[in-house]
Amino acid sequence: MATQTISAPPAAELSRNKTLLVGSAFASAAVIMLFVGLFAIYISVRQNNEFKIEGQGPGILWFPEGAVQIAPGTMMMFTTWISAMTIAWAVQAIRNDDRRNAYVALGLTMLMGGAVINQMVFAIGDFGLPIDRSVPATLLFTLYGSYIILMAVAIGFVFLMFMRAIAGQFNSKNADGIEAAAIFWYTTVILYHPIWYLITITK
């Protein structure tokens, strides 16, 4: 009588550590703290109202009339909203193993980020303010310049994950890289809103 060999069940798949997600969360928290500090300095100087525009009385104008327009700043905010939707699309697509849509969504996210940088550089040129004209002008360039650097880093992060996705490193069981890039990208989207309010609305 032949003996039947019963094989042991396959070992459970090892769960991946979440180092990339945790690192992205910590990096996002650090960036938020940096910008909260910049916002605090801007608001403190603004509230003290110690500075005036050339040719104007104290407390009348923070920026010269017409220097900061509402349309460009609001358009940048709408662009960040679109990019938030495209990065969410990328995460959903990679979780569904829909690689083609994931690539398209990641590409559109980087395109939207580049559009924000382009719009912000155009707005800086449209201000017509030298960076050393006044303390308000210096703070304005500091906030915009810091955000441009942040967006450039976010684009680089998404591009790196895009290349790894093309190499086949992400799928429905392993989407942590795309999710980590999304966490950092959402941080850039959220941080633009106080910039929009402080500069575009309360100018």
N, C-alpha and C. Protein backbone atom coordinates (compact mmCIF):
# COMPACT_ATOMS: atom_id res chain seq x y z
N MET A 1 0.86 -1.19 0.00
CA MET A 1 0.00 0.00 0.00
C MET A 1 0.89 1.24 0.00
N ALA A 2 0.64 2.08 -0.97
CA ALA A 2 1.48 3.27 -1.10
C ALA A 2 1.11 4.28 -0.03
N THR A 3 2.14 4.87 0.53
CA THR A 3 1.89 5.92 1.53
C THR A 3 1.74 7.26 0.84
N GLN A 4 0.79 8.01 1.29
CA GLN A 4 0.54 9.33 0.71
C GLN A 4 1.23 10.39 1.54
N THR A 5 2.04 11.15 0.87
CA THR A 5 2.77 12.20 1.57
C THR A 5 1.95 13.49 1.56
N ILE A 6 1.74 14.01 2.73
CA ILE A 6 0.99 15.27 2.85
C ILE A 6 1.99 16.40 3.02
N SER A 7 1.99 17.28 2.06
CA SER A 7 2.94 18.39 2.13
C SER A 7 2.40 19.50 3.03
N ALA A 8 3.32 20.19 3.62
CA ALA A 8 2.93 21.29 4.50
C ALA A 8 2.39 22.46 3.67
N PRO A 9 1.47 23.21 4.21
CA PRO A 9 0.94 24.37 3.48
C PRO A 9 2.05 25.38 3.23
N PRO A 10 1.92 26.14 2.16
CA PRO A 10 2.96 27.14 1.87
C PRO A 10 3.06 28.18 2.97
N ALA A 11 4.25 28.64 3.18
CA ALA A 11 4.46 29.64 4.22
C ALA A 11 3.76 30.94 3.84
N ALA A 12 3.28 31.60 4.86
CA ALA A 12 2.62 32.88 4.60
C ALA A 12 3.61 33.89 4.04
N GLU A 13 3.12 34.70 3.13
CA GLU A 13 3.98 35.71 2.52
C GLU A 13 4.39 36.73 3.55
N LEU A 14 5.67 37.01 3.59
CA LEU A 14 6.17 37.98 4.55
C LEU A 14 5.60 39.35 4.25
N SER A 15 5.13 40.02 5.29
CA SER A 15 4.59 41.37 5.09
C SER A 15 5.74 42.35 4.92
N ARG A 16 5.55 43.25 4.00
CA ARG A 16 6.58 44.25 3.75
C ARG A 16 6.58 45.27 4.87
N ASN A 17 7.77 45.71 5.22
CA ASN A 17 7.81 46.79 6.20
C ASN A 17 7.37 48.09 5.54
N LYS A 18 6.96 49.01 6.35
CA LYS A 18 6.40 50.28 5.86
C LYS A 18 7.40 51.42 6.02
N THR A 19 8.67 51.11 5.84
CA THR A 19 9.71 52.12 6.04
C THR A 19 9.50 53.33 5.15
N LEU A 20 9.18 53.11 3.89
CA LEU A 20 9.02 54.21 2.95
C LEU A 20 7.83 55.08 3.33
N LEU A 21 6.74 54.45 3.74
CA LEU A 21 5.56 55.22 4.16
C LEU A 21 5.84 56.02 5.41
N VAL A 22 6.49 55.39 6.38
CA VAL A 22 6.81 56.09 7.62
C VAL A 22 7.77 57.24 7.36
N GLY A 23 8.79 56.98 6.54
CA GLY A 23 9.74 58.03 6.20
C GLY A 23 9.07 59.20 5.50
N SER A 24 8.16 58.90 4.58
CA SER A 24 7.44 59.96 3.88
C SER A 24 6.57 60.77 4.84
N ALA A 25 5.95 60.07 5.80
CA ALA A 25 5.13 60.77 6.80
C ALA A 25 5.97 61.70 7.66
N PHE A 26 7.16 61.22 8.09
CA PHE A 26 8.05 62.06 8.90
C PHE A 26 8.56 63.25 8.08
N ALA A 27 8.91 63.01 6.82
CA ALA A 27 9.37 64.11 5.97
C ALA A 27 8.27 65.14 5.78
N SER A 28 7.04 64.67 5.60
CA SER A 28 5.91 65.58 5.43
C SER A 28 5.69 66.40 6.70
N ALA A 29 5.81 65.75 7.86
CA ALA A 29 5.65 66.47 9.12
C ALA A 29 6.73 67.54 9.29
N ALA A 30 7.97 67.21 8.90
CA ALA A 30 9.06 68.18 9.00
C ALA A 30 8.81 69.38 8.08
N VAL A 31 8.33 69.11 6.87
CA VAL A 31 8.04 70.19 5.93
C VAL A 31 6.91 71.07 6.47
N ILE A 32 5.89 70.45 7.04
CA ILE A 32 4.78 71.22 7.60
C ILE A 32 5.28 72.13 8.72
N MET A 33 6.15 71.62 9.59
CA MET A 33 6.68 72.44 10.68
C MET A 33 7.50 73.60 10.15
N LEU A 34 8.28 73.36 9.09
CA LEU A 34 9.06 74.43 8.47
C LEU A 34 8.14 75.54 7.97
N PHE A 35 7.09 75.16 7.25
CA PHE A 35 6.20 76.17 6.70
C PHE A 35 5.35 76.84 7.77
N VAL A 36 4.99 76.11 8.82
CA VAL A 36 4.28 76.75 9.92
C VAL A 36 5.14 77.85 10.54
N GLY A 37 6.44 77.59 10.65
CA GLY A 37 7.36 78.61 11.14
C GLY A 37 7.41 79.81 10.22
N LEU A 38 7.47 79.58 8.90
CA LEU A 38 7.47 80.69 7.95
C LEU A 38 6.17 81.48 8.02
N PHE A 39 5.05 80.76 8.14
CA PHE A 39 3.76 81.44 8.24
C PHE A 39 3.70 82.29 9.51
N ALA A 40 4.24 81.75 10.60
CA ALA A 40 4.22 82.48 11.87
C ALA A 40 5.02 83.78 11.77
N ILE A 41 6.19 83.70 11.13
CA ILE A 41 7.01 84.91 10.95
C ILE A 41 6.27 85.92 10.09
N TYR A 42 5.67 85.46 9.00
CA TYR A 42 4.95 86.35 8.09
C TYR A 42 3.80 87.04 8.81
N ILE A 43 3.00 86.25 9.54
CA ILE A 43 1.83 86.82 10.23
C ILE A 43 2.26 87.77 11.33
N SER A 44 3.33 87.41 12.06
CA SER A 44 3.81 88.26 13.14
C SER A 44 4.25 89.62 12.62
N VAL A 45 5.04 89.63 11.55
CA VAL A 45 5.51 90.89 10.98
C VAL A 45 4.33 91.68 10.42
N ARG A 46 3.41 90.99 9.76
CA ARG A 46 2.24 91.64 9.19
C ARG A 46 1.38 92.29 10.27
N GLN A 47 1.16 91.57 11.38
CA GLN A 47 0.31 92.08 12.44
C GLN A 47 0.95 93.26 13.17
N ASN A 48 2.29 93.22 13.29
CA ASN A 48 2.97 94.34 13.94
C ASN A 48 2.87 95.61 13.12
N ASN A 49 2.71 95.44 11.79
CA ASN A 49 2.45 96.57 10.91
C ASN A 49 3.54 97.65 11.02
N GLU A 50 4.78 97.20 11.12
CA GLU A 50 5.88 98.13 11.32
C GLU A 50 6.45 98.66 10.00
N PHE A 51 6.04 98.05 8.88
CA PHE A 51 6.68 98.40 7.63
C PHE A 51 5.67 99.06 6.69
N LYS A 52 6.15 99.90 5.85
CA LYS A 52 5.27 100.59 4.92
C LYS A 52 5.87 100.54 3.52
N ILE A 53 5.01 100.71 2.53
CA ILE A 53 5.44 100.75 1.14
C ILE A 53 5.92 102.16 0.83
N GLU A 54 6.92 102.25 -0.04
CA GLU A 54 7.48 103.55 -0.38
C GLU A 54 6.39 104.51 -0.85
N GLY A 55 6.40 105.72 -0.30
CA GLY A 55 5.44 106.72 -0.74
C GLY A 55 4.08 106.62 -0.10
N GLN A 56 3.91 105.68 0.85
CA GLN A 56 2.62 105.51 1.51
C GLN A 56 2.79 105.69 3.01
N GLY A 57 1.69 106.01 3.66
CA GLY A 57 1.72 106.14 5.10
C GLY A 57 1.80 104.79 5.77
N PRO A 58 2.24 104.72 7.02
CA PRO A 58 2.34 103.45 7.72
C PRO A 58 0.98 102.78 7.88
N GLY A 59 0.93 101.48 7.64
CA GLY A 59 -0.30 100.74 7.83
C GLY A 59 -1.28 100.81 6.68
N ILE A 60 -0.94 101.50 5.59
CA ILE A 60 -1.89 101.63 4.48
C ILE A 60 -1.80 100.46 3.53
N LEU A 61 -0.59 100.16 3.09
CA LEU A 61 -0.40 99.08 2.13
C LEU A 61 0.71 98.15 2.59
N TRP A 62 0.47 96.85 2.42
CA TRP A 62 1.50 95.84 2.69
C TRP A 62 2.30 95.61 1.43
N PHE A 63 1.62 95.41 0.31
CA PHE A 63 2.24 95.34 -1.01
C PHE A 63 1.70 96.49 -1.86
N PRO A 64 2.47 96.96 -2.85
CA PRO A 64 1.96 98.02 -3.71
C PRO A 64 0.67 97.61 -4.41
N GLU A 65 -0.17 98.57 -4.69
CA GLU A 65 -1.44 98.31 -5.36
C GLU A 65 -1.20 97.62 -6.70
N GLY A 66 -1.87 96.49 -6.92
CA GLY A 66 -1.77 95.78 -8.19
C GLY A 66 -0.60 94.83 -8.29
N ALA A 67 0.26 94.76 -7.26
CA ALA A 67 1.43 93.88 -7.35
C ALA A 67 1.01 92.41 -7.28
N VAL A 68 0.06 92.10 -6.41
CA VAL A 68 -0.40 90.73 -6.23
C VAL A 68 -1.81 90.61 -6.80
N GLN A 69 -1.95 89.80 -7.84
CA GLN A 69 -3.25 89.60 -8.49
C GLN A 69 -3.91 88.32 -7.97
N ILE A 70 -5.23 88.33 -7.91
CA ILE A 70 -5.96 87.18 -7.39
C ILE A 70 -5.95 86.01 -8.38
N ALA A 71 -6.08 86.30 -9.67
CA ALA A 71 -6.24 85.23 -10.67
C ALA A 71 -5.07 84.24 -10.68
N PRO A 72 -3.81 84.68 -10.76
CA PRO A 72 -2.72 83.68 -10.82
C PRO A 72 -2.65 82.79 -9.58
N GLY A 73 -2.81 83.40 -8.40
CA GLY A 73 -2.75 82.61 -7.18
C GLY A 73 -3.88 81.60 -7.09
N THR A 74 -5.07 82.01 -7.50
CA THR A 74 -6.22 81.10 -7.46
C THR A 74 -6.06 79.99 -8.50
N MET A 75 -5.53 80.31 -9.65
CA MET A 75 -5.29 79.29 -10.67
C MET A 75 -4.29 78.25 -10.18
N MET A 76 -3.28 78.69 -9.45
CA MET A 76 -2.33 77.74 -8.89
C MET A 76 -3.01 76.80 -7.90
N MET A 77 -3.94 77.34 -7.11
CA MET A 77 -4.65 76.49 -6.16
C MET A 77 -5.48 75.44 -6.88
N PHE A 78 -6.18 75.84 -7.94
CA PHE A 78 -6.96 74.88 -8.72
C PHE A 78 -6.06 73.80 -9.32
N THR A 79 -4.87 74.20 -9.75
CA THR A 79 -3.93 73.24 -10.33
C THR A 79 -3.48 72.22 -9.29
N THR A 80 -3.25 72.67 -8.06
CA THR A 80 -2.87 71.72 -7.00
C THR A 80 -4.01 70.75 -6.72
N TRP A 81 -5.26 71.22 -6.80
CA TRP A 81 -6.39 70.31 -6.60
C TRP A 81 -6.42 69.22 -7.67
N ILE A 82 -6.17 69.62 -8.91
CA ILE A 82 -6.14 68.63 -10.00
C ILE A 82 -5.04 67.61 -9.75
N SER A 83 -3.87 68.09 -9.31
CA SER A 83 -2.75 67.17 -9.06
C SER A 83 -3.08 66.21 -7.93
N ALA A 84 -3.85 66.66 -6.93
CA ALA A 84 -4.25 65.76 -5.84
C ALA A 84 -5.13 64.63 -6.36
N MET A 85 -5.99 64.96 -7.32
CA MET A 85 -6.85 63.93 -7.91
C MET A 85 -6.05 62.95 -8.76
N THR A 86 -5.05 63.45 -9.50
CA THR A 86 -4.27 62.56 -10.36
C THR A 86 -3.38 61.63 -9.54
N ILE A 87 -2.82 62.11 -8.42
CA ILE A 87 -1.98 61.22 -7.61
C ILE A 87 -2.85 60.17 -6.92
N ALA A 88 -4.08 60.55 -6.55
CA ALA A 88 -5.00 59.55 -5.98
C ALA A 88 -5.37 58.51 -7.04
N TRP A 89 -5.53 58.96 -8.27
CA TRP A 89 -5.80 58.05 -9.39
C TRP A 89 -4.65 57.06 -9.55
N ALA A 90 -3.42 57.56 -9.43
CA ALA A 90 -2.24 56.70 -9.57
C ALA A 90 -2.22 55.62 -8.50
N VAL A 91 -2.52 56.00 -7.26
CA VAL A 91 -2.54 55.02 -6.17
C VAL A 91 -3.60 53.95 -6.42
N GLN A 92 -4.80 54.39 -6.81
CA GLN A 92 -5.87 53.45 -7.07
C GLN A 92 -5.54 52.52 -8.24
N ALA A 93 -4.93 53.07 -9.28
CA ALA A 93 -4.59 52.27 -10.45
C ALA A 93 -3.55 51.21 -10.11
N ILE A 94 -2.52 51.56 -9.37
CA ILE A 94 -1.47 50.58 -9.06
C ILE A 94 -2.01 49.51 -8.12
N ARG A 95 -2.95 49.87 -7.25
CA ARG A 95 -3.57 48.87 -6.38
C ARG A 95 -4.41 47.87 -7.17
N ASN A 96 -4.91 48.31 -8.32
CA ASN A 96 -5.70 47.43 -9.18
C ASN A 96 -4.86 46.77 -10.27
N ASP A 97 -3.55 46.92 -10.19
CA ASP A 97 -2.64 46.40 -11.21
C ASP A 97 -2.94 46.97 -12.60
N ASP A 98 -3.48 48.17 -12.62
CA ASP A 98 -3.75 48.87 -13.88
C ASP A 98 -2.55 49.76 -14.18
N ARG A 99 -1.51 49.17 -14.71
CA ARG A 99 -0.25 49.87 -14.86
C ARG A 99 -0.34 51.02 -15.86
N ARG A 100 -1.07 50.83 -16.92
CA ARG A 100 -1.15 51.89 -17.93
C ARG A 100 -1.74 53.16 -17.32
N ASN A 101 -2.87 53.03 -16.61
CA ASN A 101 -3.47 54.21 -15.99
C ASN A 101 -2.59 54.78 -14.88
N ALA A 102 -1.85 53.90 -14.21
CA ALA A 102 -0.93 54.39 -13.17
C ALA A 102 0.15 55.27 -13.78
N TYR A 103 0.69 54.84 -14.91
CA TYR A 103 1.72 55.65 -15.58
C TYR A 103 1.15 56.99 -16.04
N VAL A 104 -0.04 56.95 -16.61
CA VAL A 104 -0.67 58.19 -17.08
C VAL A 104 -0.91 59.14 -15.91
N ALA A 105 -1.44 58.59 -14.81
CA ALA A 105 -1.75 59.42 -13.65
C ALA A 105 -0.49 60.03 -13.04
N LEU A 106 0.58 59.25 -12.95
CA LEU A 106 1.83 59.78 -12.41
C LEU A 106 2.41 60.86 -13.32
N GLY A 107 2.31 60.63 -14.64
CA GLY A 107 2.79 61.63 -15.59
C GLY A 107 2.01 62.93 -15.48
N LEU A 108 0.68 62.83 -15.34
CA LEU A 108 -0.14 64.02 -15.21
C LEU A 108 0.14 64.75 -13.90
N THR A 109 0.41 63.99 -12.85
CA THR A 109 0.74 64.61 -11.57
C THR A 109 2.00 65.46 -11.69
N MET A 110 3.03 64.90 -12.32
CA MET A 110 4.26 65.67 -12.50
C MET A 110 4.03 66.86 -13.40
N LEU A 111 3.17 66.71 -14.41
CA LEU A 111 2.85 67.83 -15.30
C LEU A 111 2.16 68.95 -14.54
N MET A 112 1.22 68.59 -13.67
CA MET A 112 0.53 69.60 -12.86
C MET A 112 1.50 70.30 -11.90
N GLY A 113 2.43 69.52 -11.34
CA GLY A 113 3.43 70.13 -10.47
C GLY A 113 4.31 71.11 -11.22
N GLY A 114 4.72 70.72 -12.42
CA GLY A 114 5.50 71.64 -13.25
C GLY A 114 4.72 72.88 -13.61
N ALA A 115 3.41 72.72 -13.83
CA ALA A 115 2.57 73.87 -14.15
C ALA A 115 2.49 74.84 -12.97
N VAL A 116 2.42 74.29 -11.76
CA VAL A 116 2.39 75.15 -10.57
C VAL A 116 3.68 75.95 -10.46
N ILE A 117 4.81 75.29 -10.66
CA ILE A 117 6.10 75.99 -10.60
C ILE A 117 6.15 77.08 -11.67
N ASN A 118 5.71 76.75 -12.88
CA ASN A 118 5.71 77.73 -13.97
C ASN A 118 4.82 78.92 -13.63
N GLN A 119 3.64 78.65 -13.10
CA GLN A 119 2.73 79.74 -12.73
C GLN A 119 3.31 80.60 -11.62
N MET A 120 3.99 79.95 -10.67
CA MET A 120 4.55 80.70 -9.55
C MET A 120 5.72 81.57 -10.01
N VAL A 121 6.56 81.04 -10.88
CA VAL A 121 7.66 81.85 -11.42
C VAL A 121 7.12 83.02 -12.21
N PHE A 122 6.07 82.80 -13.00
CA PHE A 122 5.44 83.89 -13.75
C PHE A 122 4.88 84.94 -12.80
N ALA A 123 4.23 84.50 -11.71
CA ALA A 123 3.66 85.44 -10.75
C ALA A 123 4.74 86.28 -10.09
N ILE A 124 5.88 85.64 -9.76
CA ILE A 124 6.99 86.38 -9.16
C ILE A 124 7.48 87.48 -10.10
N GLY A 125 7.60 87.13 -11.39
CA GLY A 125 8.01 88.14 -12.36
C GLY A 125 6.99 89.23 -12.52
N ASP A 126 5.71 88.87 -12.34
CA ASP A 126 4.63 89.84 -12.51
C ASP A 126 4.49 90.77 -11.32
N PHE A 127 5.04 90.39 -10.17
CA PHE A 127 4.95 91.26 -8.99
C PHE A 127 5.63 92.60 -9.24
N GLY A 128 6.76 92.55 -9.95
CA GLY A 128 7.51 93.78 -10.19
C GLY A 128 8.18 94.32 -8.93
N LEU A 129 8.49 93.43 -7.99
CA LEU A 129 9.09 93.86 -6.73
C LEU A 129 10.49 93.27 -6.60
N PRO A 130 11.51 94.10 -6.41
CA PRO A 130 12.83 93.55 -6.08
C PRO A 130 12.76 92.86 -4.72
N ILE A 131 13.51 91.79 -4.56
CA ILE A 131 13.44 91.03 -3.32
C ILE A 131 13.90 91.85 -2.12
N ASP A 132 14.76 92.85 -2.34
CA ASP A 132 15.28 93.64 -1.23
C ASP A 132 14.58 94.99 -1.11
N ARG A 133 13.42 95.14 -1.74
CA ARG A 133 12.73 96.44 -1.68
C ARG A 133 12.22 96.73 -0.28
N SER A 134 11.68 95.72 0.38
CA SER A 134 11.11 95.90 1.71
C SER A 134 11.05 94.55 2.40
N VAL A 135 10.78 94.56 3.70
CA VAL A 135 10.60 93.32 4.43
C VAL A 135 9.42 92.51 3.88
N PRO A 136 8.27 93.14 3.59
CA PRO A 136 7.18 92.36 2.98
C PRO A 136 7.59 91.67 1.69
N ALA A 137 8.34 92.35 0.84
CA ALA A 137 8.79 91.74 -0.42
C ALA A 137 9.71 90.55 -0.15
N THR A 138 10.60 90.69 0.82
CA THR A 138 11.50 89.59 1.17
C THR A 138 10.72 88.38 1.67
N LEU A 139 9.71 88.63 2.51
CA LEU A 139 8.88 87.53 3.02
C LEU A 139 8.09 86.88 1.89
N LEU A 140 7.62 87.70 0.97
CA LEU A 140 6.88 87.17 -0.17
C LEU A 140 7.75 86.23 -0.99
N PHE A 141 8.95 86.64 -1.31
CA PHE A 141 9.86 85.79 -2.09
C PHE A 141 10.27 84.55 -1.29
N THR A 142 10.39 84.69 0.02
CA THR A 142 10.77 83.54 0.85
C THR A 142 9.69 82.46 0.80
N LEU A 143 8.43 82.87 0.94
CA LEU A 143 7.34 81.90 0.91
C LEU A 143 7.21 81.25 -0.46
N TYR A 144 7.22 82.07 -1.50
CA TYR A 144 7.08 81.51 -2.85
C TYR A 144 8.28 80.65 -3.22
N GLY A 145 9.48 81.12 -2.89
CA GLY A 145 10.68 80.35 -3.21
C GLY A 145 10.73 79.03 -2.49
N SER A 146 10.33 79.03 -1.21
CA SER A 146 10.31 77.78 -0.44
C SER A 146 9.31 76.80 -1.03
N TYR A 147 8.17 77.32 -1.49
CA TYR A 147 7.17 76.42 -2.05
C TYR A 147 7.64 75.86 -3.40
N ILE A 148 8.32 76.66 -4.19
CA ILE A 148 8.86 76.16 -5.46
C ILE A 148 9.83 75.01 -5.21
N ILE A 149 10.71 75.17 -4.21
CA ILE A 149 11.65 74.10 -3.87
C ILE A 149 10.90 72.86 -3.41
N LEU A 150 9.86 73.05 -2.57
CA LEU A 150 9.07 71.92 -2.08
C LEU A 150 8.41 71.19 -3.23
N MET A 151 7.82 71.92 -4.16
CA MET A 151 7.15 71.29 -5.29
C MET A 151 8.15 70.55 -6.18
N ALA A 152 9.34 71.12 -6.35
CA ALA A 152 10.36 70.46 -7.15
C ALA A 152 10.79 69.13 -6.50
N VAL A 153 10.92 69.13 -5.18
CA VAL A 153 11.25 67.89 -4.47
C VAL A 153 10.13 66.86 -4.63
N ALA A 154 8.88 67.32 -4.53
CA ALA A 154 7.74 66.41 -4.69
C ALA A 154 7.71 65.81 -6.09
N ILE A 155 7.99 66.62 -7.10
CA ILE A 155 8.04 66.11 -8.48
C ILE A 155 9.15 65.06 -8.60
N GLY A 156 10.31 65.35 -8.00
CA GLY A 156 11.40 64.38 -8.04
C GLY A 156 11.04 63.07 -7.36
N PHE A 157 10.31 63.14 -6.26
CA PHE A 157 9.87 61.95 -5.54
C PHE A 157 8.92 61.13 -6.43
N VAL A 158 7.95 61.81 -7.03
CA VAL A 158 7.00 61.11 -7.90
C VAL A 158 7.72 60.51 -9.11
N PHE A 159 8.69 61.24 -9.65
CA PHE A 159 9.44 60.73 -10.81
C PHE A 159 10.21 59.46 -10.45
N LEU A 160 10.81 59.45 -9.27
CA LEU A 160 11.55 58.27 -8.83
C LEU A 160 10.61 57.07 -8.71
N MET A 161 9.43 57.29 -8.11
CA MET A 161 8.46 56.20 -7.98
C MET A 161 7.92 55.79 -9.35
N PHE A 162 7.81 56.74 -10.25
CA PHE A 162 7.37 56.45 -11.63
C PHE A 162 8.36 55.51 -12.31
N MET A 163 9.65 55.78 -12.17
CA MET A 163 10.66 54.93 -12.77
C MET A 163 10.67 53.54 -12.13
N ARG A 164 10.46 53.48 -10.82
CA ARG A 164 10.40 52.18 -10.15
C ARG A 164 9.15 51.41 -10.58
N ALA A 165 8.06 52.13 -10.83
CA ALA A 165 6.84 51.46 -11.29
C ALA A 165 7.06 50.87 -12.69
N ILE A 166 7.74 51.61 -13.55
CA ILE A 166 8.04 51.11 -14.89
C ILE A 166 8.91 49.86 -14.80
N ALA A 167 9.80 49.83 -13.81
CA ALA A 167 10.68 48.66 -13.62
C ALA A 167 9.93 47.47 -13.02
N GLY A 168 8.65 47.65 -12.71
CA GLY A 168 7.84 46.55 -12.20
C GLY A 168 7.93 46.31 -10.71
N GLN A 169 8.38 47.31 -9.94
CA GLN A 169 8.56 47.11 -8.51
C GLN A 169 7.28 47.29 -7.70
N PHE A 170 6.23 47.83 -8.33
CA PHE A 170 4.99 48.07 -7.61
C PHE A 170 3.84 47.33 -8.27
N ASN A 171 2.93 46.83 -7.44
CA ASN A 171 1.74 46.14 -7.93
C ASN A 171 0.68 46.20 -6.86
N SER A 172 -0.38 45.40 -7.02
CA SER A 172 -1.49 45.45 -6.07
C SER A 172 -1.08 45.02 -4.67
N LYS A 173 -0.04 44.19 -4.55
CA LYS A 173 0.42 43.73 -3.24
C LYS A 173 1.53 44.61 -2.68
N ASN A 174 2.04 45.47 -3.47
CA ASN A 174 3.15 46.32 -3.06
C ASN A 174 3.03 47.68 -3.74
N ALA A 175 2.26 48.56 -3.11
CA ALA A 175 2.05 49.89 -3.67
C ALA A 175 2.58 50.98 -2.75
N ASP A 176 3.46 50.57 -1.80
CA ASP A 176 3.88 51.53 -0.78
C ASP A 176 4.65 52.72 -1.35
N GLY A 177 5.42 52.52 -2.41
CA GLY A 177 6.17 53.63 -2.99
C GLY A 177 5.26 54.71 -3.55
N ILE A 178 4.23 54.29 -4.29
CA ILE A 178 3.29 55.25 -4.84
C ILE A 178 2.50 55.92 -3.72
N GLU A 179 2.13 55.15 -2.70
CA GLU A 179 1.40 55.71 -1.57
C GLU A 179 2.26 56.73 -0.82
N ALA A 180 3.55 56.43 -0.67
CA ALA A 180 4.45 57.37 0.02
C ALA A 180 4.57 58.66 -0.76
N ALA A 181 4.71 58.55 -2.09
CA ALA A 181 4.77 59.76 -2.92
C ALA A 181 3.48 60.55 -2.81
N ALA A 182 2.35 59.85 -2.72
CA ALA A 182 1.06 60.53 -2.58
C ALA A 182 0.98 61.30 -1.26
N ILE A 183 1.47 60.69 -0.18
CA ILE A 183 1.45 61.38 1.12
C ILE A 183 2.22 62.69 1.05
N PHE A 184 3.41 62.64 0.45
CA PHE A 184 4.22 63.86 0.34
C PHE A 184 3.56 64.87 -0.59
N TRP A 185 2.93 64.35 -1.66
CA TRP A 185 2.29 65.26 -2.62
C TRP A 185 1.09 65.96 -1.97
N TYR A 186 0.31 65.22 -1.20
CA TYR A 186 -0.83 65.84 -0.51
C TYR A 186 -0.35 66.95 0.43
N THR A 187 0.82 66.77 1.01
CA THR A 187 1.39 67.80 1.89
C THR A 187 1.63 69.08 1.11
N THR A 188 2.18 68.97 -0.10
CA THR A 188 2.41 70.17 -0.91
C THR A 188 1.09 70.84 -1.28
N VAL A 189 0.07 70.05 -1.55
CA VAL A 189 -1.23 70.62 -1.90
C VAL A 189 -1.82 71.37 -0.72
N ILE A 190 -1.77 70.76 0.45
CA ILE A 190 -2.34 71.39 1.65
C ILE A 190 -1.60 72.68 1.99
N LEU A 191 -0.27 72.67 1.87
CA LEU A 191 0.51 73.84 2.27
C LEU A 191 0.30 75.04 1.35
N TYR A 192 -0.17 74.80 0.13
CA TYR A 192 -0.38 75.97 -0.73
C TYR A 192 -1.56 76.82 -0.26
N HIS A 193 -2.54 76.22 0.41
CA HIS A 193 -3.74 76.96 0.80
C HIS A 193 -3.45 78.13 1.73
N PRO A 194 -2.65 77.96 2.81
CA PRO A 194 -2.32 79.14 3.61
C PRO A 194 -1.50 80.17 2.85
N ILE A 195 -0.64 79.72 1.91
CA ILE A 195 0.10 80.69 1.09
C ILE A 195 -0.87 81.50 0.25
N TRP A 196 -1.83 80.80 -0.35
CA TRP A 196 -2.85 81.48 -1.17
C TRP A 196 -3.62 82.50 -0.34
N TYR A 197 -3.99 82.11 0.87
CA TYR A 197 -4.79 83.01 1.69
C TYR A 197 -3.95 84.20 2.18
N LEU A 198 -2.74 83.93 2.66
CA LEU A 198 -1.92 84.99 3.23
C LEU A 198 -1.46 86.02 2.22
N ILE A 199 -1.14 85.53 1.00
CA ILE A 199 -0.57 86.43 0.00
C ILE A 199 -1.63 86.91 -1.00
N THR A 200 -2.40 85.98 -1.55
CA THR A 200 -3.34 86.36 -2.60
C THR A 200 -4.58 87.07 -2.05
N ILE A 201 -5.10 86.60 -0.93
CA ILE A 201 -6.36 87.13 -0.40
C ILE A 201 -6.13 88.31 0.55
N THR A 202 -5.21 88.16 1.49
CA THR A 202 -5.03 89.23 2.50
C THR A 202 -3.91 90.18 2.12
N LYS A 203 -3.60 90.28 0.86
CA LYS A 203 -2.50 91.15 0.42
C LYS A 203 -2.70 92.59 0.84
